[in-house]
Amino acid sequence: MSNGSYRPHLVVKGCDHYLGVQFVEGEERALGQTVLAKAKLVYDGIRSLEGTDLSTATIPSECREDACPSLTFDGVDYSALRAGTAFFLVEGAHNVGEGWVIERAEGSSG
């Protein structure tokens, strides 16, 4: 988890918006065990691909326009992820865990 290769989505309980995150700290644990982890917001600050030179933009490779031609990031809003917020951890359509936000680092938008 700490090598940055785990990039699931969080879905705030009671909502249906998928929020992309990248785990950057945390121990590998067996399913069903609790883990304290740190994640960064994948699309934080990206608002739209319109008018963007994708050859120099910092956009995750799996979301480049040639992979997802109709994809835009308008409306990606991480503001619901604040201390105390409960969420599901999902991989595609599969709920693989749940947790809550303990704190949000200063400087994170939203």
PDB file of N, CA and C in Angstrom:
ATOM      1  N   MET A   1       0.813  -1.185   0.000  1.00  0.00           N
ATOM      2  CA  MET A   1       0.000   0.000   0.000  1.00  0.00           C
ATOM      3  C   MET A   1       0.866   1.263   0.000  1.00  0.00           C
ATOM      4  N   SER A   2       2.000   1.219   0.623  1.00  0.00           N
ATOM      5  CA  SER A   2       2.822   2.422   0.758  1.00  0.00           C
ATOM      6  C   SER A   2       3.622   2.758  -0.496  1.00  0.00           C
ATOM      7  N   ASN A   3       3.635   1.881  -1.493  1.00  0.00           N
ATOM      8  CA  ASN A   3       4.402   2.187  -2.704  1.00  0.00           C
ATOM      9  C   ASN A   3       3.610   3.024  -3.709  1.00  0.00           C
ATOM     10  N   GLY A   4       2.372   3.394  -3.393  1.00  0.00           N
ATOM     11  CA  GLY A   4       1.577   4.259  -4.255  1.00  0.00           C
ATOM     12  C   GLY A   4       0.884   3.566  -5.407  1.00  0.00           C
ATOM     13  N   SER A   5       0.953   2.238  -5.463  1.00  0.00           N
ATOM     14  CA  SER A   5       0.348   1.540  -6.594  1.00  0.00           C
ATOM     15  C   SER A   5      -1.124   1.178  -6.374  1.00  0.00           C
ATOM     16  N   TYR A   6      -1.622   1.340  -5.146  1.00  0.00           N
ATOM     17  CA  TYR A   6      -3.025   1.003  -4.881  1.00  0.00           C
ATOM     18  C   TYR A   6      -3.871   2.261  -5.047  1.00  0.00           C
ATOM     19  N   ARG A   7      -4.750   2.252  -6.072  1.00  0.00           N
ATOM     20  CA  ARG A   7      -5.534   3.426  -6.426  1.00  0.00           C
ATOM     21  C   ARG A   7      -7.012   3.076  -6.562  1.00  0.00           C
ATOM     22  N   PRO A   8      -7.680   2.824  -5.443  1.00  0.00           N
ATOM     23  CA  PRO A   8      -9.109   2.523  -5.484  1.00  0.00           C
ATOM     24  C   PRO A   8      -9.919   3.828  -5.499  1.00  0.00           C
ATOM     25  N   HIS A   9     -11.196   3.726  -5.243  1.00  0.00           N
ATOM     26  CA  HIS A   9     -12.058   4.879  -5.076  1.00  0.00           C
ATOM     27  C   HIS A   9     -12.670   4.829  -3.677  1.00  0.00           C
ATOM     28  N   LEU A  10     -13.000   5.987  -3.168  1.00  0.00           N
ATOM     29  CA  LEU A  10     -13.783   6.099  -1.945  1.00  0.00           C
ATOM     30  C   LEU A  10     -15.160   6.589  -2.346  1.00  0.00           C
ATOM     31  N   VAL A  11     -16.190   6.041  -1.700  1.00  0.00           N
ATOM     32  CA  VAL A  11     -17.558   6.498  -1.899  1.00  0.00           C
ATOM     33  C   VAL A  11     -18.082   6.855  -0.519  1.00  0.00           C
ATOM     34  N   VAL A  12     -18.369   8.133  -0.321  1.00  0.00           N
ATOM     35  CA  VAL A  12     -18.897   8.589   0.960  1.00  0.00           C
ATOM     36  C   VAL A  12     -20.234   7.896   1.196  1.00  0.00           C
ATOM     37  N   LYS A  13     -20.420   7.351   2.400  1.00  0.00           N
ATOM     38  CA  LYS A  13     -21.670   6.649   2.707  1.00  0.00           C
ATOM     39  C   LYS A  13     -22.843   7.601   2.551  1.00  0.00           C
ATOM     40  N   GLY A  14     -23.852   7.148   1.814  1.00  0.00           N
ATOM     41  CA  GLY A  14     -25.023   7.960   1.527  1.00  0.00           C
ATOM     42  C   GLY A  14     -24.923   8.706   0.211  1.00  0.00           C
ATOM     43  N   CYS A  15     -23.793   8.601  -0.456  1.00  0.00           N
ATOM     44  CA  CYS A  15     -23.585   9.255  -1.757  1.00  0.00           C
ATOM     45  C   CYS A  15     -23.249   8.193  -2.796  1.00  0.00           C
ATOM     46  N   ASP A  16     -23.171   8.602  -4.047  1.00  0.00           N
ATOM     47  CA  ASP A  16     -22.823   7.638  -5.092  1.00  0.00           C
ATOM     48  C   ASP A  16     -21.679   8.115  -5.964  1.00  0.00           C
ATOM     49  N   HIS A  17     -20.938   9.138  -5.535  1.00  0.00           N
ATOM     50  CA  HIS A  17     -19.818   9.656  -6.312  1.00  0.00           C
ATOM     51  C   HIS A  17     -18.533   8.902  -5.972  1.00  0.00           C
ATOM     52  N   TYR A  18     -17.852   8.434  -6.995  1.00  0.00           N
ATOM     53  CA  TYR A  18     -16.573   7.751  -6.823  1.00  0.00           C
ATOM     54  C   TYR A  18     -15.471   8.804  -6.769  1.00  0.00           C
ATOM     55  N   LEU A  19     -14.665   8.775  -5.718  1.00  0.00           N
ATOM     56  CA  LEU A  19     -13.580   9.733  -5.532  1.00  0.00           C
ATOM     57  C   LEU A  19     -12.250   8.990  -5.583  1.00  0.00           C
ATOM     58  N   GLY A  20     -11.482   9.218  -6.618  1.00  0.00           N
ATOM     59  CA  GLY A  20     -10.217   8.518  -6.808  1.00  0.00           C
ATOM     60  C   GLY A  20      -9.176   8.933  -5.782  1.00  0.00           C
ATOM     61  N   VAL A  21      -8.526   7.953  -5.183  1.00  0.00           N
ATOM     62  CA  VAL A  21      -7.449   8.201  -4.231  1.00  0.00           C
ATOM     63  C   VAL A  21      -6.264   7.291  -4.554  1.00  0.00           C
ATOM     64  N   GLN A  22      -5.121   7.669  -4.041  1.00  0.00           N
ATOM     65  CA  GLN A  22      -3.905   6.863  -4.164  1.00  0.00           C
ATOM     66  C   GLN A  22      -3.320   6.711  -2.773  1.00  0.00           C
ATOM     67  N   PHE A  23      -3.251   5.474  -2.290  1.00  0.00           N
ATOM     68  CA  PHE A  23      -2.680   5.253  -0.966  1.00  0.00           C
ATOM     69  C   PHE A  23      -1.166   5.399  -1.032  1.00  0.00           C
ATOM     70  N   VAL A  24      -0.620   6.194  -0.125  1.00  0.00           N
ATOM     71  CA  VAL A  24       0.815   6.460  -0.126  1.00  0.00           C
ATOM     72  C   VAL A  24       1.499   5.995   1.152  1.00  0.00           C
ATOM     73  N   GLU A  25       0.733   5.688   2.193  1.00  0.00           N
ATOM     74  CA  GLU A  25       1.281   5.127   3.426  1.00  0.00           C
ATOM     75  C   GLU A  25       0.269   4.155   4.009  1.00  0.00           C
ATOM     76  N   GLY A  26       0.758   3.099   4.632  1.00  0.00           N
ATOM     77  CA  GLY A  26      -0.106   2.126   5.275  1.00  0.00           C
ATOM     78  C   GLY A  26       0.461   0.734   5.128  1.00  0.00           C
ATOM     79  N   GLU A  27       0.159  -0.094   6.098  1.00  0.00           N
ATOM     80  CA  GLU A  27       0.651  -1.472   6.103  1.00  0.00           C
ATOM     81  C   GLU A  27      -0.279  -2.381   5.309  1.00  0.00           C
ATOM     82  N   GLU A  28       0.287  -3.384   4.687  1.00  0.00           N
ATOM     83  CA  GLU A  28      -0.521  -4.420   4.048  1.00  0.00           C
ATOM     84  C   GLU A  28      -1.114  -5.267   5.174  1.00  0.00           C
ATOM     85  N   ARG A  29      -2.400  -5.527   5.108  1.00  0.00           N
ATOM     86  CA  ARG A  29      -3.074  -6.338   6.115  1.00  0.00           C
ATOM     87  C   ARG A  29      -4.019  -7.313   5.444  1.00  0.00           C
ATOM     88  N   ALA A  30      -4.356  -8.367   6.153  1.00  0.00           N
ATOM     89  CA  ALA A  30      -5.329  -9.335   5.648  1.00  0.00           C
ATOM     90  C   ALA A  30      -6.712  -8.702   5.613  1.00  0.00           C
ATOM     91  N   LEU A  31      -7.560  -9.197   4.720  1.00  0.00           N
ATOM     92  CA  LEU A  31      -8.933  -8.707   4.655  1.00  0.00           C
ATOM     93  C   LEU A  31      -9.592  -8.803   6.015  1.00  0.00           C
ATOM     94  N   GLY A  32     -10.353  -7.787   6.361  1.00  0.00           N
ATOM     95  CA  GLY A  32     -11.066  -7.790   7.628  1.00  0.00           C
ATOM     96  C   GLY A  32     -10.297  -7.153   8.766  1.00  0.00           C
ATOM     97  N   GLN A  33      -9.022  -6.838   8.553  1.00  0.00           N
ATOM     98  CA  GLN A  33      -8.231  -6.200   9.600  1.00  0.00           C
ATOM     99  C   GLN A  33      -8.200  -4.696   9.391  1.00  0.00           C
ATOM    100  N   THR A  34      -8.094  -3.983  10.495  1.00  0.00           N
ATOM    101  CA  THR A  34      -8.046  -2.522  10.459  1.00  0.00           C
ATOM    102  C   THR A  34      -6.650  -2.046  10.105  1.00  0.00           C
ATOM    103  N   VAL A  35      -6.583  -0.978   9.305  1.00  0.00           N
ATOM    104  CA  VAL A  35      -5.296  -0.394   8.940  1.00  0.00           C
ATOM    105  C   VAL A  35      -5.430   1.126   8.955  1.00  0.00           C
ATOM    106  N   LEU A  36      -4.407   1.798   9.448  1.00  0.00           N
ATOM    107  CA  LEU A  36      -4.331   3.247   9.385  1.00  0.00           C
ATOM    108  C   LEU A  36      -3.508   3.586   8.155  1.00  0.00           C
ATOM    109  N   ALA A  37      -4.059   4.380   7.248  1.00  0.00           N
ATOM    110  CA  ALA A  37      -3.388   4.662   5.978  1.00  0.00           C
ATOM    111  C   ALA A  37      -3.512   6.134   5.623  1.00  0.00           C
ATOM    112  N   LYS A  38      -2.624   6.565   4.733  1.00  0.00           N
ATOM    113  CA  LYS A  38      -2.660   7.926   4.212  1.00  0.00           C
ATOM    114  C   LYS A  38      -2.853   7.830   2.706  1.00  0.00           C
ATOM    115  N   ALA A  39      -3.759   8.658   2.192  1.00  0.00           N
ATOM    116  CA  ALA A  39      -4.033   8.665   0.761  1.00  0.00           C
ATOM    117  C   ALA A  39      -3.989  10.093   0.244  1.00  0.00           C
ATOM    118  N   LYS A  40      -3.655  10.218  -1.040  1.00  0.00           N
ATOM    119  CA  LYS A  40      -3.748  11.537  -1.665  1.00  0.00           C
ATOM    120  C   LYS A  40      -4.879  11.504  -2.670  1.00  0.00           C
ATOM    121  N   LEU A  41      -5.406  12.675  -2.967  1.00  0.00           N
ATOM    122  CA  LEU A  41      -6.541  12.805  -3.871  1.00  0.00           C
ATOM    123  C   LEU A  41      -6.037  12.792  -5.304  1.00  0.00           C
ATOM    124  N   VAL A  42      -6.473  11.826  -6.092  1.00  0.00           N
ATOM    125  CA  VAL A  42      -5.951  11.638  -7.440  1.00  0.00           C
ATOM    126  C   VAL A  42      -6.292  12.803  -8.352  1.00  0.00           C
ATOM    127  N   TYR A  43      -7.523  13.272  -8.330  1.00  0.00           N
ATOM    128  CA  TYR A  43      -7.955  14.298  -9.280  1.00  0.00           C
ATOM    129  C   TYR A  43      -8.011  15.680  -8.659  1.00  0.00           C
ATOM    130  N   ASP A  44      -7.453  15.859  -7.484  1.00  0.00           N
ATOM    131  CA  ASP A  44      -7.519  17.135  -6.783  1.00  0.00           C
ATOM    132  C   ASP A  44      -6.950  18.246  -7.658  1.00  0.00           C
ATOM    133  N   GLY A  45      -7.743  19.258  -7.904  1.00  0.00           N
ATOM    134  CA  GLY A  45      -7.293  20.388  -8.688  1.00  0.00           C
ATOM    135  C   GLY A  45      -7.565  20.269 -10.175  1.00  0.00           C
ATOM    136  N   ILE A  46      -7.860  19.067 -10.672  1.00  0.00           N
ATOM    137  CA  ILE A  46      -8.158  18.896 -12.097  1.00  0.00           C
ATOM    138  C   ILE A  46      -9.643  19.195 -12.278  1.00  0.00           C
ATOM    139  N   ARG A  47      -9.961  20.112 -13.146  1.00  0.00           N
ATOM    140  CA  ARG A  47     -11.356  20.487 -13.334  1.00  0.00           C
ATOM    141  C   ARG A  47     -11.895  20.097 -14.703  1.00  0.00           C
ATOM    142  N   SER A  48     -11.078  20.073 -15.729  1.00  0.00           N
ATOM    143  CA  SER A  48     -11.558  19.715 -17.064  1.00  0.00           C
ATOM    144  C   SER A  48     -10.391  19.412 -17.977  1.00  0.00           C
ATOM    145  N   LEU A  49     -10.603  18.558 -18.944  1.00  0.00           N
ATOM    146  CA  LEU A  49      -9.575  18.296 -19.945  1.00  0.00           C
ATOM    147  C   LEU A  49      -9.675  19.272 -21.109  1.00  0.00           C
ATOM    148  N   GLU A  50     -10.788  20.005 -21.197  1.00  0.00           N
ATOM    149  CA  GLU A  50     -11.004  20.921 -22.314  1.00  0.00           C
ATOM    150  C   GLU A  50      -9.911  21.981 -22.366  1.00  0.00           C
ATOM    151  N   GLY A  51      -9.264  22.114 -23.502  1.00  0.00           N
ATOM    152  CA  GLY A  51      -8.227  23.117 -23.677  1.00  0.00           C
ATOM    153  C   GLY A  51      -6.905  22.777 -23.017  1.00  0.00           C
ATOM    154  N   THR A  52      -6.752  21.545 -22.541  1.00  0.00           N
ATOM    155  CA  THR A  52      -5.529  21.143 -21.849  1.00  0.00           C
ATOM    156  C   THR A  52      -4.610  20.407 -22.818  1.00  0.00           C
ATOM    157  N   ASP A  53      -3.331  20.766 -22.808  1.00  0.00           N
ATOM    158  CA  ASP A  53      -2.339  20.038 -23.593  1.00  0.00           C
ATOM    159  C   ASP A  53      -1.987  18.780 -22.808  1.00  0.00           C
ATOM    160  N   LEU A  54      -2.543  17.655 -23.218  1.00  0.00           N
ATOM    161  CA  LEU A  54      -2.374  16.412 -22.457  1.00  0.00           C
ATOM    162  C   LEU A  54      -0.950  15.874 -22.505  1.00  0.00           C
ATOM    163  N   SER A  55      -0.136  16.370 -23.420  1.00  0.00           N
ATOM    164  CA  SER A  55       1.237  15.876 -23.482  1.00  0.00           C
ATOM    165  C   SER A  55       2.066  16.384 -22.310  1.00  0.00           C
ATOM    166  N   THR A  56       1.627  17.468 -21.669  1.00  0.00           N
ATOM    167  CA  THR A  56       2.385  18.013 -20.536  1.00  0.00           C
ATOM    168  C   THR A  56       1.575  18.030 -19.256  1.00  0.00           C
ATOM    169  N   ALA A  57       0.283  17.692 -19.323  1.00  0.00           N
ATOM    170  CA  ALA A  57      -0.558  17.749 -18.131  1.00  0.00           C
ATOM    171  C   ALA A  57      -0.209  16.631 -17.162  1.00  0.00           C
ATOM    172  N   THR A  58      -0.408  16.886 -15.883  1.00  0.00           N
ATOM    173  CA  THR A  58      -0.208  15.860 -14.872  1.00  0.00           C
ATOM    174  C   THR A  58      -1.553  15.195 -14.614  1.00  0.00           C
ATOM    175  N   ILE A  59      -1.831  14.178 -15.396  1.00  0.00           N
ATOM    176  CA  ILE A  59      -3.073  13.428 -15.301  1.00  0.00           C
ATOM    177  C   ILE A  59      -2.693  11.954 -15.255  1.00  0.00           C
ATOM    178  N   PRO A  60      -3.276  11.185 -14.331  1.00  0.00           N
ATOM    179  CA  PRO A  60      -2.940   9.759 -14.259  1.00  0.00           C
ATOM    180  C   PRO A  60      -3.054   9.090 -15.622  1.00  0.00           C
ATOM    181  N   SER A  61      -2.105   8.221 -15.964  1.00  0.00           N
ATOM    182  CA  SER A  61      -2.035   7.623 -17.296  1.00  0.00           C
ATOM    183  C   SER A  61      -3.299   6.881 -17.688  1.00  0.00           C
ATOM    184  N   GLU A  62      -3.983   6.250 -16.729  1.00  0.00           N
ATOM    185  CA  GLU A  62      -5.179   5.511 -17.094  1.00  0.00           C
ATOM    186  C   GLU A  62      -6.346   6.437 -17.417  1.00  0.00           C
ATOM    187  N   CYS A  63      -6.180   7.742 -17.223  1.00  0.00           N
ATOM    188  CA  CYS A  63      -7.246   8.695 -17.491  1.00  0.00           C
ATOM    189  C   CYS A  63      -6.915   9.639 -18.636  1.00  0.00           C
ATOM    190  N   ARG A  64      -5.876   9.348 -19.377  1.00  0.00           N
ATOM    191  CA  ARG A  64      -5.530  10.205 -20.516  1.00  0.00           C
ATOM    192  C   ARG A  64      -6.644  10.143 -21.555  1.00  0.00           C
ATOM    193  N   GLU A  65      -6.785  11.225 -22.309  1.00  0.00           N
ATOM    194  CA  GLU A  65      -7.892  11.366 -23.247  1.00  0.00           C
ATOM    195  C   GLU A  65      -7.944  10.226 -24.255  1.00  0.00           C
ATOM    196  N   ASP A  66      -6.777   9.708 -24.679  1.00  0.00           N
ATOM    197  CA  ASP A  66      -6.804   8.624 -25.668  1.00  0.00           C
ATOM    198  C   ASP A  66      -7.359   7.336 -25.073  1.00  0.00           C
ATOM    199  N   ALA A  67      -7.316   7.185 -23.747  1.00  0.00           N
ATOM    200  CA  ALA A  67      -7.875   6.002 -23.098  1.00  0.00           C
ATOM    201  C   ALA A  67      -9.362   6.190 -22.799  1.00  0.00           C
ATOM    202  N   CYS A  68      -9.763   7.408 -22.524  1.00  0.00           N
ATOM    203  CA  CYS A  68     -11.148   7.715 -22.151  1.00  0.00           C
ATOM    204  C   CYS A  68     -11.555   9.005 -22.854  1.00  0.00           C
ATOM    205  N   PRO A  69     -11.875   8.979 -24.156  1.00  0.00           N
ATOM    206  CA  PRO A  69     -12.074  10.211 -24.918  1.00  0.00           C
ATOM    207  C   PRO A  69     -13.150  11.137 -24.395  1.00  0.00           C
ATOM    208  N   SER A  70     -14.180  10.633 -23.725  1.00  0.00           N
ATOM    209  CA  SER A  70     -15.250  11.512 -23.263  1.00  0.00           C
ATOM    210  C   SER A  70     -15.069  11.928 -21.803  1.00  0.00           C
ATOM    211  N   LEU A  71     -13.970  11.549 -21.200  1.00  0.00           N
ATOM    212  CA  LEU A  71     -13.783  11.780 -19.775  1.00  0.00           C
ATOM    213  C   LEU A  71     -13.429  13.229 -19.473  1.00  0.00           C
ATOM    214  N   THR A  72     -14.163  13.838 -18.554  1.00  0.00           N
ATOM    215  CA  THR A  72     -13.775  15.138 -18.005  1.00  0.00           C
ATOM    216  C   THR A  72     -13.856  15.030 -16.489  1.00  0.00           C
ATOM    217  N   PHE A  73     -13.205  15.948 -15.824  1.00  0.00           N
ATOM    218  CA  PHE A  73     -13.183  15.923 -14.369  1.00  0.00           C
ATOM    219  C   PHE A  73     -14.001  17.054 -13.776  1.00  0.00           C
ATOM    220  N   ASP A  74     -14.876  17.671 -14.596  1.00  0.00           N
ATOM    221  CA  ASP A  74     -15.751  18.701 -14.053  1.00  0.00           C
ATOM    222  C   ASP A  74     -16.566  18.103 -12.920  1.00  0.00           C
ATOM    223  N   GLY A  75     -16.654  18.807 -11.833  1.00  0.00           N
ATOM    224  CA  GLY A  75     -17.489  18.363 -10.737  1.00  0.00           C
ATOM    225  C   GLY A  75     -16.833  17.399  -9.775  1.00  0.00           C
ATOM    226  N   VAL A  76     -15.574  17.035  -9.968  1.00  0.00           N
ATOM    227  CA  VAL A  76     -14.913  16.180  -8.978  1.00  0.00           C
ATOM    228  C   VAL A  76     -14.742  17.025  -7.733  1.00  0.00           C
ATOM    229  N   ASP A  77     -15.415  16.638  -6.684  1.00  0.00           N
ATOM    230  CA  ASP A  77     -15.447  17.441  -5.468  1.00  0.00           C
ATOM    231  C   ASP A  77     -15.135  16.547  -4.277  1.00  0.00           C
ATOM    232  N   TYR A  78     -13.992  16.781  -3.679  1.00  0.00           N
ATOM    233  CA  TYR A  78     -13.564  15.990  -2.528  1.00  0.00           C
ATOM    234  C   TYR A  78     -13.963  16.623  -1.195  1.00  0.00           C
ATOM    235  N   SER A  79     -14.750  17.683  -1.215  1.00  0.00           N
ATOM    236  CA  SER A  79     -15.051  18.410   0.020  1.00  0.00           C
ATOM    237  C   SER A  79     -15.777  17.558   1.058  1.00  0.00           C
ATOM    238  N   ALA A  80     -16.468  16.507   0.633  1.00  0.00           N
ATOM    239  CA  ALA A  80     -17.160  15.631   1.588  1.00  0.00           C
ATOM    240  C   ALA A  80     -16.183  14.814   2.424  1.00  0.00           C
ATOM    241  N   LEU A  81     -14.946  14.682   1.960  1.00  0.00           N
ATOM    242  CA  LEU A  81     -13.950  13.907   2.720  1.00  0.00           C
ATOM    243  C   LEU A  81     -13.323  14.806   3.771  1.00  0.00           C
ATOM    244  N   ARG A  82     -13.992  14.879   4.909  1.00  0.00           N
ATOM    245  CA  ARG A  82     -13.479  15.670   6.035  1.00  0.00           C
ATOM    246  C   ARG A  82     -13.517  14.793   7.283  1.00  0.00           C
ATOM    247  N   ALA A  83     -12.864  15.230   8.318  1.00  0.00           N
ATOM    248  CA  ALA A  83     -12.758  14.431   9.547  1.00  0.00           C
ATOM    249  C   ALA A  83     -14.133  13.913   9.982  1.00  0.00           C
ATOM    250  N   GLY A  84     -14.184  12.618  10.246  1.00  0.00           N
ATOM    251  CA  GLY A  84     -15.404  11.974  10.706  1.00  0.00           C
ATOM    252  C   GLY A  84     -16.270  11.383   9.612  1.00  0.00           C
ATOM    253  N   THR A  85     -15.966  11.662   8.348  1.00  0.00           N
ATOM    254  CA  THR A  85     -16.769  11.154   7.235  1.00  0.00           C
ATOM    255  C   THR A  85     -16.540   9.658   7.044  1.00  0.00           C
ATOM    256  N   ALA A  86     -17.627   8.896   6.999  1.00  0.00           N
ATOM    257  CA  ALA A  86     -17.550   7.450   6.754  1.00  0.00           C
ATOM    258  C   ALA A  86     -17.608   7.200   5.249  1.00  0.00           C
ATOM    259  N   PHE A  87     -16.851   6.192   4.792  1.00  0.00           N
ATOM    260  CA  PHE A  87     -16.801   5.896   3.361  1.00  0.00           C
ATOM    261  C   PHE A  87     -16.667   4.406   3.124  1.00  0.00           C
ATOM    262  N   PHE A  88     -17.007   4.006   1.897  1.00  0.00           N
ATOM    263  CA  PHE A  88     -16.734   2.660   1.411  1.00  0.00           C
ATOM    264  C   PHE A  88     -15.486   2.735   0.545  1.00  0.00           C
ATOM    265  N   LEU A  89     -14.681   1.712   0.572  1.00  0.00           N
ATOM    266  CA  LEU A  89     -13.518   1.560  -0.296  1.00  0.00           C
ATOM    267  C   LEU A  89     -13.958   0.618  -1.412  1.00  0.00           C
ATOM    268  N   VAL A  90     -13.883   1.090  -2.660  1.00  0.00           N
ATOM    269  CA  VAL A  90     -14.400   0.286  -3.761  1.00  0.00           C
ATOM    270  C   VAL A  90     -13.356   0.098  -4.851  1.00  0.00           C
ATOM    271  N   GLU A  91     -13.436  -1.049  -5.495  1.00  0.00           N
ATOM    272  CA  GLU A  91     -12.631  -1.365  -6.670  1.00  0.00           C
ATOM    273  C   GLU A  91     -13.633  -1.709  -7.763  1.00  0.00           C
ATOM    274  N   GLY A  92     -13.825  -0.795  -8.693  1.00  0.00           N
ATOM    275  CA  GLY A  92     -14.875  -0.976  -9.697  1.00  0.00           C
ATOM    276  C   GLY A  92     -16.218  -0.979  -8.996  1.00  0.00           C
ATOM    277  N   ALA A  93     -17.008  -2.007  -9.242  1.00  0.00           N
ATOM    278  CA  ALA A  93     -18.326  -2.112  -8.611  1.00  0.00           C
ATOM    279  C   ALA A  93     -18.293  -2.892  -7.300  1.00  0.00           C
ATOM    280  N   HIS A  94     -17.097  -3.266  -6.839  1.00  0.00           N
ATOM    281  CA  HIS A  94     -16.971  -4.118  -5.655  1.00  0.00           C
ATOM    282  C   HIS A  94     -16.583  -3.318  -4.419  1.00  0.00           C
ATOM    283  N   ASN A  95     -17.407  -3.438  -3.379  1.00  0.00           N
ATOM    284  CA  ASN A  95     -17.095  -2.831  -2.094  1.00  0.00           C
ATOM    285  C   ASN A  95     -16.089  -3.752  -1.392  1.00  0.00           C
ATOM    286  N   VAL A  96     -14.878  -3.253  -1.168  1.00  0.00           N
ATOM    287  CA  VAL A  96     -13.833  -4.102  -0.591  1.00  0.00           C
ATOM    288  C   VAL A  96     -13.438  -3.674   0.820  1.00  0.00           C
ATOM    289  N   GLY A  97     -14.074  -2.639   1.330  1.00  0.00           N
ATOM    290  CA  GLY A  97     -13.763  -2.198   2.687  1.00  0.00           C
ATOM    291  C   GLY A  97     -14.549  -0.954   3.031  1.00  0.00           C
ATOM    292  N   GLU A  98     -14.328  -0.479   4.227  1.00  0.00           N
ATOM    293  CA  GLU A  98     -14.951   0.755   4.668  1.00  0.00           C
ATOM    294  C   GLU A  98     -14.092   1.389   5.735  1.00  0.00           C
ATOM    295  N   GLY A  99     -14.320   2.650   5.969  1.00  0.00           N
ATOM    296  CA  GLY A  99     -13.537   3.360   6.958  1.00  0.00           C
ATOM    297  C   GLY A  99     -14.072   4.749   7.196  1.00  0.00           C
ATOM    298  N   TRP A 100     -13.248   5.587   7.769  1.00  0.00           N
ATOM    299  CA  TRP A 100     -13.629   6.969   8.007  1.00  0.00           C
ATOM    300  C   TRP A 100     -12.394   7.845   7.940  1.00  0.00           C
ATOM    301  N   VAL A 101     -12.626   9.107   7.629  1.00  0.00           N
ATOM    302  CA  VAL A 101     -11.546  10.076   7.535  1.00  0.00           C
ATOM    303  C   VAL A 101     -11.193  10.520   8.944  1.00  0.00           C
ATOM    304  N   ILE A 102      -9.915  10.400   9.296  1.00  0.00           N
ATOM    305  CA  ILE A 102      -9.458  10.846  10.616  1.00  0.00           C
ATOM    306  C   ILE A 102      -9.092  12.325  10.566  1.00  0.00           C
ATOM    307  N   GLU A 103      -8.332  12.701   9.539  1.00  0.00           N
ATOM    308  CA  GLU A 103      -8.012  14.112   9.348  1.00  0.00           C
ATOM    309  C   GLU A 103      -7.683  14.350   7.897  1.00  0.00           C
ATOM    310  N   ARG A 104      -7.793  15.596   7.496  1.00  0.00           N
ATOM    311  CA  ARG A 104      -7.456  15.988   6.133  1.00  0.00           C
ATOM    312  C   ARG A 104      -6.339  17.021   6.209  1.00  0.00           C
ATOM    313  N   ALA A 105      -5.287  16.781   5.475  1.00  0.00           N
ATOM    314  CA  ALA A 105      -4.116  17.651   5.541  1.00  0.00           C
ATOM    315  C   ALA A 105      -4.467  19.053   5.066  1.00  0.00           C
ATOM    316  N   GLU A 106      -3.875  20.040   5.697  1.00  0.00           N
ATOM    317  CA  GLU A 106      -4.054  21.413   5.255  1.00  0.00           C
ATOM    318  C   GLU A 106      -3.517  21.539   3.845  1.00  0.00           C
ATOM    319  N   GLY A 107      -4.159  22.372   3.052  1.00  0.00           N
ATOM    320  CA  GLY A 107      -3.722  22.543   1.672  1.00  0.00           C
ATOM    321  C   GLY A 107      -4.493  21.692   0.706  1.00  0.00           C
ATOM    322  N   SER A 108      -5.262  20.693   1.192  1.00  0.00           N
ATOM    323  CA  SER A 108      -6.115  19.903   0.310  1.00  0.00           C
ATOM    324  C   SER A 108      -7.308  20.764  -0.049  1.00  0.00           C
ATOM    325  N   SER A 109      -7.620  20.845  -1.326  1.00  0.00           N
ATOM    326  CA  SER A 109      -8.763  21.677  -1.710  1.00  0.00           C
ATOM    327  C   SER A 109     -10.056  20.990  -1.319  1.00  0.00           C
ATOM    328  N   GLY A 110     -11.108  21.801  -1.206  1.00  0.00           N
ATOM    329  CA  GLY A 110     -12.421  21.247  -0.887  1.00  0.00           C
ATOM    330  C   GLY A 110     -12.844  21.469   0.506  1.00  0.00           C
TER     331      GLY A 110
END
